[in-house]
C-alpha atoms as a PDB file:
ATOM      1  CA  MET A   1      13.710  23.221   4.236  1.00  0.00           C
ATOM      2  CA  ALA A   2      16.212  21.929   6.764  1.00  0.00           C
ATOM      3  CA  ASN A   3      17.533  18.428   6.213  1.00  0.00           C
ATOM      4  CA  ASP A   4      16.309  17.098   9.557  1.00  0.00           C
ATOM      5  CA  SER A   5      12.760  18.233   8.777  1.00  0.00           C
ATOM      6  CA  ARG A   6      12.832  16.048   5.678  1.00  0.00           C
ATOM      7  CA  GLN A   7      13.401  12.839   7.659  1.00  0.00           C
ATOM      8  CA  LEU A   8      10.933  10.661   9.518  1.00  0.00           C
ATOM      9  CA  ASP A   9      12.701  10.280  12.862  1.00  0.00           C
ATOM     10  CA  GLY A  10      10.265   9.377  15.620  1.00  0.00           C
ATOM     11  CA  GLN A  11       7.394   8.612  13.257  1.00  0.00           C
ATOM     12  CA  TRP A  12       5.710   5.207  12.970  1.00  0.00           C
ATOM     13  CA  ALA A  13       4.232   3.593   9.881  1.00  0.00           C
ATOM     14  CA  LEU A  14       1.790   0.696   9.618  1.00  0.00           C
ATOM     15  CA  ILE A  15       2.217  -1.047   6.256  1.00  0.00           C
ATOM     16  CA  THR A  16      -0.171  -3.829   5.323  1.00  0.00           C
ATOM     17  CA  GLY A  17       1.140  -6.820   3.422  1.00  0.00           C
ATOM     18  CA  ALA A  18       4.672  -5.731   4.236  1.00  0.00           C
ATOM     19  CA  GLY A  19       6.395  -9.066   4.657  1.00  0.00           C
ATOM     20  CA  LYS A  20       7.379  -9.428   1.014  1.00  0.00           C
ATOM     21  CA  ARG A  21       7.658  -7.765  -2.361  1.00  0.00           C
ATOM     22  CA  ILE A  22       6.603  -4.129  -2.702  1.00  0.00           C
ATOM     23  CA  GLY A  23       5.398  -3.845   0.890  1.00  0.00           C
ATOM     24  CA  ALA A  24       8.766  -4.939   2.239  1.00  0.00           C
ATOM     25  CA  CYS A  25      10.545  -2.456  -0.015  1.00  0.00           C
ATOM     26  CA  ILE A  26       8.321   0.360   1.266  1.00  0.00           C
ATOM     27  CA  ALA A  27       9.119  -0.708   4.825  1.00  0.00           C
ATOM     28  CA  ARG A  28      12.876  -0.646   4.217  1.00  0.00           C
ATOM     29  CA  THR A  29      12.681   2.738   2.490  1.00  0.00           C
ATOM     30  CA  LEU A  30      10.719   4.483   5.251  1.00  0.00           C
ATOM     31  CA  HIS A  31      12.853   2.814   7.924  1.00  0.00           C
ATOM     32  CA  ALA A  32      16.022   4.101   6.264  1.00  0.00           C
ATOM     33  CA  ARG A  33      14.669   7.637   6.744  1.00  0.00           C
ATOM     34  CA  GLY A  34      14.103   7.103  10.449  1.00  0.00           C
ATOM     35  CA  ALA A  35      10.560   5.739  10.728  1.00  0.00           C
ATOM     36  CA  GLY A  36       9.562   2.865  12.927  1.00  0.00           C
ATOM     37  CA  ILE A  37       7.719   0.162  11.005  1.00  0.00           C
ATOM     38  CA  ALA A  38       4.769  -2.049  11.931  1.00  0.00           C
ATOM     39  CA  ILE A  39       4.945  -4.910   9.428  1.00  0.00           C
ATOM     40  CA  HIS A  40       1.497  -6.392   8.897  1.00  0.00           C
ATOM     41  CA  TYR A  41       1.145  -9.877   7.433  1.00  0.00           C
ATOM     42  CA  ARG A  42      -1.536 -12.519   7.116  1.00  0.00           C
ATOM     43  CA  GLU A  43       0.333 -15.675   6.102  1.00  0.00           C
ATOM     44  CA  SER A  44       3.922 -14.570   5.409  1.00  0.00           C
ATOM     45  CA  GLU A  45       5.075 -14.904   9.005  1.00  0.00           C
ATOM     46  CA  ALA A  46       8.655 -15.992   8.274  1.00  0.00           C
ATOM     47  CA  PRO A  47       9.468 -13.194   5.777  1.00  0.00           C
ATOM     48  CA  ALA A  48       7.823 -10.616   8.054  1.00  0.00           C
ATOM     49  CA  ALA A  49       9.841 -11.795  11.062  1.00  0.00           C
ATOM     50  CA  GLU A  50      13.036 -11.810   9.005  1.00  0.00           C
ATOM     51  CA  LEU A  51      12.409  -8.265   7.828  1.00  0.00           C
ATOM     52  CA  ALA A  52      11.651  -7.047  11.355  1.00  0.00           C
ATOM     53  CA  ALA A  53      14.839  -8.655  12.642  1.00  0.00           C
ATOM     54  CA  ALA A  54      16.886  -6.991   9.905  1.00  0.00           C
ATOM     55  CA  LEU A  55      15.400  -3.567  10.645  1.00  0.00           C
ATOM     56  CA  ASN A  56      15.864  -3.970  14.393  1.00  0.00           C
ATOM     57  CA  ALA A  57      19.490  -4.926  13.796  1.00  0.00           C
ATOM     58  CA  ILE A  58      19.947  -1.565  12.098  1.00  0.00           C
ATOM     59  CA  ARG A  59      18.091   0.383  14.797  1.00  0.00           C
ATOM     60  CA  ALA A  60      16.944  -1.302  17.986  1.00  0.00           C
ATOM     61  CA  ASP A  61      13.217  -1.549  18.707  1.00  0.00           C
ATOM     62  CA  SER A  62      12.314   0.119  15.423  1.00  0.00           C
ATOM     63  CA  ALA A  63      10.152  -2.608  13.883  1.00  0.00           C
ATOM     64  CA  LEU A  64       7.482  -5.075  14.906  1.00  0.00           C
ATOM     65  CA  THR A  65       5.217  -7.573  13.190  1.00  0.00           C
ATOM     66  CA  VAL A  66       1.436  -7.674  13.476  1.00  0.00           C
ATOM     67  CA  LYS A  67      -0.598 -10.593  12.161  1.00  0.00           C
ATOM     68  CA  GLY A  68      -4.133 -10.041  10.981  1.00  0.00           C
ATOM     69  CA  ASP A  69      -6.761 -11.207   8.524  1.00  0.00           C
ATOM     70  CA  LEU A  70      -7.974  -7.877   7.161  1.00  0.00           C
ATOM     71  CA  LEU A  71     -11.156  -9.502   5.880  1.00  0.00           C
ATOM     72  CA  ASN A  72     -12.203  -9.734   9.531  1.00  0.00           C
ATOM     73  CA  THR A  73     -12.843  -6.028   9.915  1.00  0.00           C
ATOM     74  CA  ALA A  74     -14.137  -6.458  13.467  1.00  0.00           C
ATOM     75  CA  ARG A  75     -10.540  -7.220  14.529  1.00  0.00           C
ATOM     76  CA  ILE A  76      -8.962  -4.227  12.807  1.00  0.00           C
ATOM     77  CA  PRO A  77      -9.251  -1.905  15.865  1.00  0.00           C
ATOM     78  CA  GLU A  78      -7.438  -4.556  17.890  1.00  0.00           C
ATOM     79  CA  LEU A  79      -4.648  -4.696  15.302  1.00  0.00           C
ATOM     80  CA  VAL A  80      -4.279  -0.907  15.448  1.00  0.00           C
ATOM     81  CA  ALA A  81      -4.291  -1.011  19.250  1.00  0.00           C
ATOM     82  CA  ASP A  82      -1.433  -3.539  19.197  1.00  0.00           C
ATOM     83  CA  VAL A  83       0.649  -1.174  17.067  1.00  0.00           C
ATOM     84  CA  LEU A  84      -0.103   1.795  19.312  1.00  0.00           C
ATOM     85  CA  HIS A  85       0.714  -0.211  22.440  1.00  0.00           C
ATOM     86  CA  HIS A  86       4.218  -0.805  21.108  1.00  0.00           C
ATOM     87  CA  ALA A  87       4.844   2.432  19.215  1.00  0.00           C
ATOM     88  CA  GLY A  88       2.884   4.942  21.258  1.00  0.00           C
ATOM     89  CA  ARG A  89       1.861   6.841  18.115  1.00  0.00           C
ATOM     90  CA  LEU A  90       0.979   6.398  14.457  1.00  0.00           C
ATOM     91  CA  ASP A  91       1.883   8.759  11.633  1.00  0.00           C
ATOM     92  CA  ILE A  92       1.600   6.776   8.408  1.00  0.00           C
ATOM     93  CA  LEU A  93      -0.757   4.111   7.072  1.00  0.00           C
ATOM     94  CA  VAL A  94       0.115   2.386   3.805  1.00  0.00           C
ATOM     95  CA  ASN A  95      -2.738   0.213   2.517  1.00  0.00           C
ATOM     96  CA  ASN A  96      -0.656  -2.137   0.398  1.00  0.00           C
ATOM     97  CA  ALA A  97      -2.127  -5.609   1.043  1.00  0.00           C
ATOM     98  CA  SER A  98      -4.017  -6.932  -1.970  1.00  0.00           C
ATOM     99  CA  SER A  99      -5.492 -10.054  -3.499  1.00  0.00           C
ATOM    100  CA  PHE A 100      -5.035 -10.349  -7.258  1.00  0.00           C
ATOM    101  CA  TYR A 101      -6.234 -13.102  -9.592  1.00  0.00           C
ATOM    102  CA  PRO A 102      -8.458 -13.466 -12.665  1.00  0.00           C
ATOM    103  CA  THR A 103     -12.222 -13.920 -12.401  1.00  0.00           C
ATOM    104  CA  PRO A 104     -13.508 -14.480 -15.957  1.00  0.00           C
ATOM    105  CA  ILE A 105     -17.194 -13.860 -16.500  1.00  0.00           C
ATOM    106  CA  GLY A 106     -19.040 -17.118 -15.883  1.00  0.00           C
ATOM    107  CA  THR A 107     -16.690 -18.232 -13.111  1.00  0.00           C
ATOM    108  CA  ILE A 108     -17.208 -15.485 -10.502  1.00  0.00           C
ATOM    109  CA  THR A 109     -18.343 -16.617  -7.065  1.00  0.00           C
ATOM    110  CA  ASP A 110     -19.414 -14.857  -3.887  1.00  0.00           C
ATOM    111  CA  GLU A 111     -16.069 -15.876  -2.409  1.00  0.00           C
ATOM    112  CA  HIS A 112     -14.181 -14.098  -5.184  1.00  0.00           C
ATOM    113  CA  TRP A 113     -16.240 -10.964  -4.601  1.00  0.00           C
ATOM    114  CA  GLU A 114     -15.780 -11.021  -0.824  1.00  0.00           C
ATOM    115  CA  ASP A 115     -12.036 -11.638  -1.067  1.00  0.00           C
ATOM    116  CA  LEU A 116     -11.157  -9.147  -3.810  1.00  0.00           C
ATOM    117  CA  LEU A 117     -13.459  -6.379  -2.602  1.00  0.00           C
ATOM    118  CA  GLY A 118     -12.512  -7.156   0.978  1.00  0.00           C
ATOM    119  CA  THR A 119      -8.742  -6.892   0.652  1.00  0.00           C
ATOM    120  CA  ASN A 120      -8.624  -4.125  -1.957  1.00  0.00           C
ATOM    121  CA  LEU A 121     -11.424  -1.839  -0.760  1.00  0.00           C
ATOM    122  CA  LYS A 122     -13.171  -2.816   2.466  1.00  0.00           C
ATOM    123  CA  ALA A 123     -10.013  -3.342   4.522  1.00  0.00           C
ATOM    124  CA  PRO A 124      -8.430  -0.001   3.500  1.00  0.00           C
ATOM    125  CA  LEU A 125     -11.664   1.763   4.460  1.00  0.00           C
ATOM    126  CA  PHE A 126     -11.932   0.170   7.884  1.00  0.00           C
ATOM    127  CA  LEU A 127      -8.217   0.540   8.567  1.00  0.00           C
ATOM    128  CA  SER A 128      -8.362   4.206   7.650  1.00  0.00           C
ATOM    129  CA  GLN A 129     -11.358   4.656   9.909  1.00  0.00           C
ATOM    130  CA  ALA A 130      -9.576   2.942  12.795  1.00  0.00           C
ATOM    131  CA  VAL A 131      -6.382   4.990  12.513  1.00  0.00           C
ATOM    132  CA  ALA A 132      -7.974   8.348  11.717  1.00  0.00           C
ATOM    133  CA  PRO A 133      -8.201   9.589  15.348  1.00  0.00           C
ATOM    134  CA  HIS A 134      -4.526   8.796  15.873  1.00  0.00           C
ATOM    135  CA  LEU A 135      -3.396  10.295  12.562  1.00  0.00           C
ATOM    136  CA  ARG A 136      -5.251  13.481  13.415  1.00  0.00           C
ATOM    137  CA  ASP A 137      -3.071  13.778  16.509  1.00  0.00           C
ATOM    138  CA  THR A 138       0.109  13.519  14.431  1.00  0.00           C
ATOM    139  CA  HIS A 139      -1.137  15.250  11.231  1.00  0.00           C
ATOM    140  CA  GLY A 140      -0.458  11.968   9.537  1.00  0.00           C
ATOM    141  CA  VAL A 141      -0.716  10.459   6.081  1.00  0.00           C
ATOM    142  CA  ILE A 142      -2.614   7.622   4.400  1.00  0.00           C
ATOM    143  CA  ILE A 143      -1.245   6.099   1.188  1.00  0.00           C
ATOM    144  CA  ASN A 144      -3.372   3.656  -0.805  1.00  0.00           C
ATOM    145  CA  ILE A 145      -1.766   1.373  -3.367  1.00  0.00           C
ATOM    146  CA  VAL A 146      -4.254   1.437  -6.230  1.00  0.00           C
ATOM    147  CA  ASP A 147      -3.514   0.112  -9.764  1.00  0.00           C
ATOM    148  CA  ILE A 148      -3.460   1.555 -13.261  1.00  0.00           C
ATOM    149  CA  HIS A 149      -6.218  -0.978 -14.018  1.00  0.00           C
ATOM    150  CA  ALA A 150      -8.526   0.989 -11.772  1.00  0.00           C
ATOM    151  CA  GLN A 151      -8.960   3.174 -14.887  1.00  0.00           C
ATOM    152  CA  ARG A 152      -8.314   0.802 -17.761  1.00  0.00           C
ATOM    153  CA  PRO A 153      -9.746  -2.695 -17.300  1.00  0.00           C
ATOM    154  CA  LEU A 154      -7.562  -5.770 -17.373  1.00  0.00           C
ATOM    155  CA  ARG A 155      -9.130  -8.622 -19.311  1.00  0.00           C
ATOM    156  CA  ASP A 156     -10.685 -11.330 -17.115  1.00  0.00           C
ATOM    157  CA  HIS A 157     -10.256  -9.252 -13.932  1.00  0.00           C
ATOM    158  CA  PRO A 158     -13.646  -7.510 -13.575  1.00  0.00           C
ATOM    159  CA  VAL A 159     -13.860  -7.969  -9.816  1.00  0.00           C
ATOM    160  CA  TYR A 160     -10.272  -6.886  -9.093  1.00  0.00           C
ATOM    161  CA  GLY A 161     -10.592  -3.839 -11.365  1.00  0.00           C
ATOM    162  CA  THR A 162     -13.857  -2.831  -9.736  1.00  0.00           C
ATOM    163  CA  ALA A 163     -12.286  -3.098  -6.284  1.00  0.00           C
ATOM    164  CA  LYS A 164      -9.316  -0.922  -7.262  1.00  0.00           C
ATOM    165  CA  ALA A 165     -11.589   1.624  -8.925  1.00  0.00           C
ATOM    166  CA  GLY A 166     -13.439   1.799  -5.620  1.00  0.00           C
ATOM    167  CA  LEU A 167     -10.151   2.304  -3.808  1.00  0.00           C
ATOM    168  CA  ALA A 168      -9.370   5.242  -6.097  1.00  0.00           C
ATOM    169  CA  MET A 169     -12.674   6.880  -5.167  1.00  0.00           C
ATOM    170  CA  LEU A 170     -12.119   6.039  -1.496  1.00  0.00           C
ATOM    171  CA  THR A 171      -8.755   7.823  -1.696  1.00  0.00           C
ATOM    172  CA  ARG A 172     -10.366  10.992  -2.960  1.00  0.00           C
ATOM    173  CA  SER A 173     -13.276  10.736  -0.527  1.00  0.00           C
ATOM    174  CA  LEU A 174     -11.021  10.287   2.487  1.00  0.00           C
ATOM    175  CA  ALA A 175      -8.835  13.165   1.348  1.00  0.00           C
ATOM    176  CA  ARG A 176     -11.870  15.433   1.442  1.00  0.00           C
ATOM    177  CA  ASP A 177     -13.327  14.067   4.673  1.00  0.00           C
ATOM    178  CA  LEU A 178     -10.094  13.908   6.700  1.00  0.00           C
ATOM    179  CA  ALA A 179      -8.606  17.253   5.629  1.00  0.00           C
ATOM    180  CA  PRO A 180      -6.959  19.377   6.840  1.00  0.00           C
ATOM    181  CA  ASP A 181      -5.429  17.166   9.535  1.00  0.00           C
ATOM    182  CA  ILE A 182      -4.703  14.051   7.447  1.00  0.00           C
ATOM    183  CA  ARG A 183      -3.445  13.878   3.874  1.00  0.00           C
ATOM    184  CA  VAL A 184      -4.647  10.940   1.752  1.00  0.00           C
ATOM    185  CA  ASN A 185      -3.094   9.993  -1.588  1.00  0.00           C
ATOM    186  CA  GLY A 186      -2.724   6.965  -3.808  1.00  0.00           C
ATOM    187  CA  ILE A 187      -0.165   5.326  -6.055  1.00  0.00           C
ATOM    188  CA  SER A 188      -1.128   3.312  -9.144  1.00  0.00           C
ATOM    189  CA  PRO A 189       1.644   0.878 -10.071  1.00  0.00           C
ATOM    190  CA  GLY A 190       2.069  -0.455 -13.552  1.00  0.00           C
ATOM    191  CA  ALA A 191       4.278  -3.442 -14.347  1.00  0.00           C
ATOM    192  CA  ILE A 192       6.527  -3.558 -11.289  1.00  0.00           C
ATOM    193  CA  LEU A 193       6.801  -7.193 -10.184  1.00  0.00           C
ATOM    194  CA  TRP A 194       5.502 -10.145 -12.158  1.00  0.00           C
ATOM    195  CA  PRO A 195       3.080 -12.485 -10.335  1.00  0.00           C
ATOM    196  CA  GLU A 196       4.718 -14.903  -7.906  1.00  0.00           C
ATOM    197  CA  ASP A 197       3.081 -17.878  -9.620  1.00  0.00           C
ATOM    198  CA  GLY A 198       4.719 -16.948 -12.900  1.00  0.00           C
ATOM    199  CA  MET A 199       3.675 -15.423 -16.221  1.00  0.00           C
ATOM    200  CA  PRO A 200       4.476 -16.535 -19.780  1.00  0.00           C
ATOM    201  CA  GLU A 201       7.329 -14.606 -21.353  1.00  0.00           C
ATOM    202  CA  ALA A 202       5.150 -13.670 -24.324  1.00  0.00           C
ATOM    203  CA  ILE A 203       2.701 -11.868 -22.044  1.00  0.00           C
ATOM    204  CA  LYS A 204       5.536 -10.062 -20.241  1.00  0.00           C
ATOM    205  CA  GLU A 205       6.936  -8.923 -23.586  1.00  0.00           C
ATOM    206  CA  SER A 206       3.493  -7.744 -24.703  1.00  0.00           C
ATOM    207  CA  ILE A 207       3.087  -5.664 -21.528  1.00  0.00           C
ATOM    208  CA  VAL A 208       6.543  -4.117 -21.822  1.00  0.00           C
ATOM    209  CA  ARG A 209       5.790  -3.123 -25.434  1.00  0.00           C
ATOM    210  CA  GLN A 210       2.962  -0.974 -24.026  1.00  0.00           C
ATOM    211  CA  VAL A 211       5.360   0.921 -21.746  1.00  0.00           C
ATOM    212  CA  PRO A 212       6.941   4.060 -23.241  1.00  0.00           C
ATOM    213  CA  MET A 213       9.998   3.557 -21.043  1.00  0.00           C
ATOM    214  CA  ALA A 214      10.341   0.049 -22.548  1.00  0.00           C
ATOM    215  CA  ARG A 215      10.903  -1.832 -19.306  1.00  0.00           C
ATOM    216  CA  ALA A 216       9.218  -2.987 -16.155  1.00  0.00           C
ATOM    217  CA  GLY A 217       9.677  -0.954 -13.001  1.00  0.00           C
ATOM    218  CA  ASP A 218      11.176  -1.858  -9.638  1.00  0.00           C
ATOM    219  CA  PRO A 219       9.681  -1.955  -6.142  1.00  0.00           C
ATOM    220  CA  GLU A 220      11.966   0.964  -5.315  1.00  0.00           C
ATOM    221  CA  ASP A 221       9.990   3.077  -7.790  1.00  0.00           C
ATOM    222  CA  ILE A 222       6.846   2.594  -5.713  1.00  0.00           C
ATOM    223  CA  ALA A 223       8.687   3.014  -2.408  1.00  0.00           C
ATOM    224  CA  GLY A 224      10.248   6.247  -3.628  1.00  0.00           C
ATOM    225  CA  CYS A 225       6.825   7.629  -4.497  1.00  0.00           C
ATOM    226  CA  VAL A 226       5.531   6.645  -1.051  1.00  0.00           C
ATOM    227  CA  LEU A 227       8.452   8.495   0.503  1.00  0.00           C
ATOM    228  CA  TYR A 228       7.688  11.573  -1.587  1.00  0.00           C
ATOM    229  CA  LEU A 229       4.027  11.583  -0.592  1.00  0.00           C
ATOM    230  CA  VAL A 230       4.813  10.994   3.076  1.00  0.00           C
ATOM    231  CA  ARG A 231       7.789  13.296   3.532  1.00  0.00           C
ATOM    232  CA  ASP A 232       7.827  15.957   0.842  1.00  0.00           C
ATOM    233  CA  ALA A 233       4.333  16.457  -0.578  1.00  0.00           C
ATOM    234  CA  ARG A 234       2.985  18.576   2.230  1.00  0.00           C
ATOM    235  CA  TYR A 235       0.452  20.396   0.046  1.00  0.00           C
ATOM    236  CA  VAL A 236      -0.700  17.328  -1.885  1.00  0.00           C
ATOM    237  CA  THR A 237      -3.854  15.394  -1.009  1.00  0.00           C
ATOM    238  CA  GLY A 238      -6.505  13.518  -2.940  1.00  0.00           C
ATOM    239  CA  GLN A 239      -4.092  12.629  -5.749  1.00  0.00           C
ATOM    240  CA  ILE A 240      -3.324   9.271  -7.359  1.00  0.00           C
ATOM    241  CA  ILE A 241       0.082   9.068  -9.021  1.00  0.00           C
ATOM    242  CA  ALA A 242       0.671   6.503 -11.771  1.00  0.00           C
ATOM    243  CA  VAL A 243       4.111   4.911 -11.455  1.00  0.00           C
ATOM    244  CA  ASP A 244       4.028   2.885 -14.642  1.00  0.00           C
ATOM    245  CA  GLY A 245       6.721   4.066 -17.046  1.00  0.00           C
ATOM    246  CA  GLY A 246       4.032   5.958 -18.972  1.00  0.00           C
ATOM    247  CA  ARG A 247       1.953   2.901 -19.800  1.00  0.00           C
ATOM    248  CA  SER A 248      -1.358   4.463 -18.766  1.00  0.00           C
ATOM    249  CA  ILE A 249      -1.039   7.352 -21.219  1.00  0.00           C
ATOM    250  CA  GLY A 250      -1.085   5.305 -24.368  1.00  0.00           C
ATOM    251  CA  TRP A 251      -2.065   1.662 -24.251  1.00  0.00           C
END
């Protein structure tokens, strides 16, 4: 395969929750291979704007920010239209945005259900539906960021785990329904970044002891897998790749 065919020049990616953390790393990785990036955010306006400015400094007019509350699915077509108005095309959707917090039995509310199912399952479905006609035109790709806890439950997270398990099934369902024009795959991260609000060291150490590779991963590990699925895996669809240092095979 020729080198130029392995790059993403001229393609555009919409990445949800891309202002910070793993989403921002995915944005930088795809941009470095030539893609234009639509950086979606809900509240992280300053980091999203800073990232867009940095990418545009590297390559002019190659990044934009789009604000949107993905729980308001009626506005999702408008968000997609804003991206297309600027970019003129869409090749890649990365459903990365996610809410994550514990919901112990006895404390679960309707709001927890609506938020966790909404961000982790409903929004990816409606976004995929909105972009599908445009991805068909470009033979594009959808990547869903799932979680290893979609298969093995995390204590006190029954709503989050259920939402991610649904996202895993949605990934496989979309792969079947959108083939052959659109490939749909997922990535299940393990311990990559610790929660922003902190985590006791004892819990971190306990998690790392469950990882055969004996360490946490890096955002670049997830971004590299996204790049593989977008650029190289041309005969791969309906698959969910665990990027977890081997944790899911033995804990």
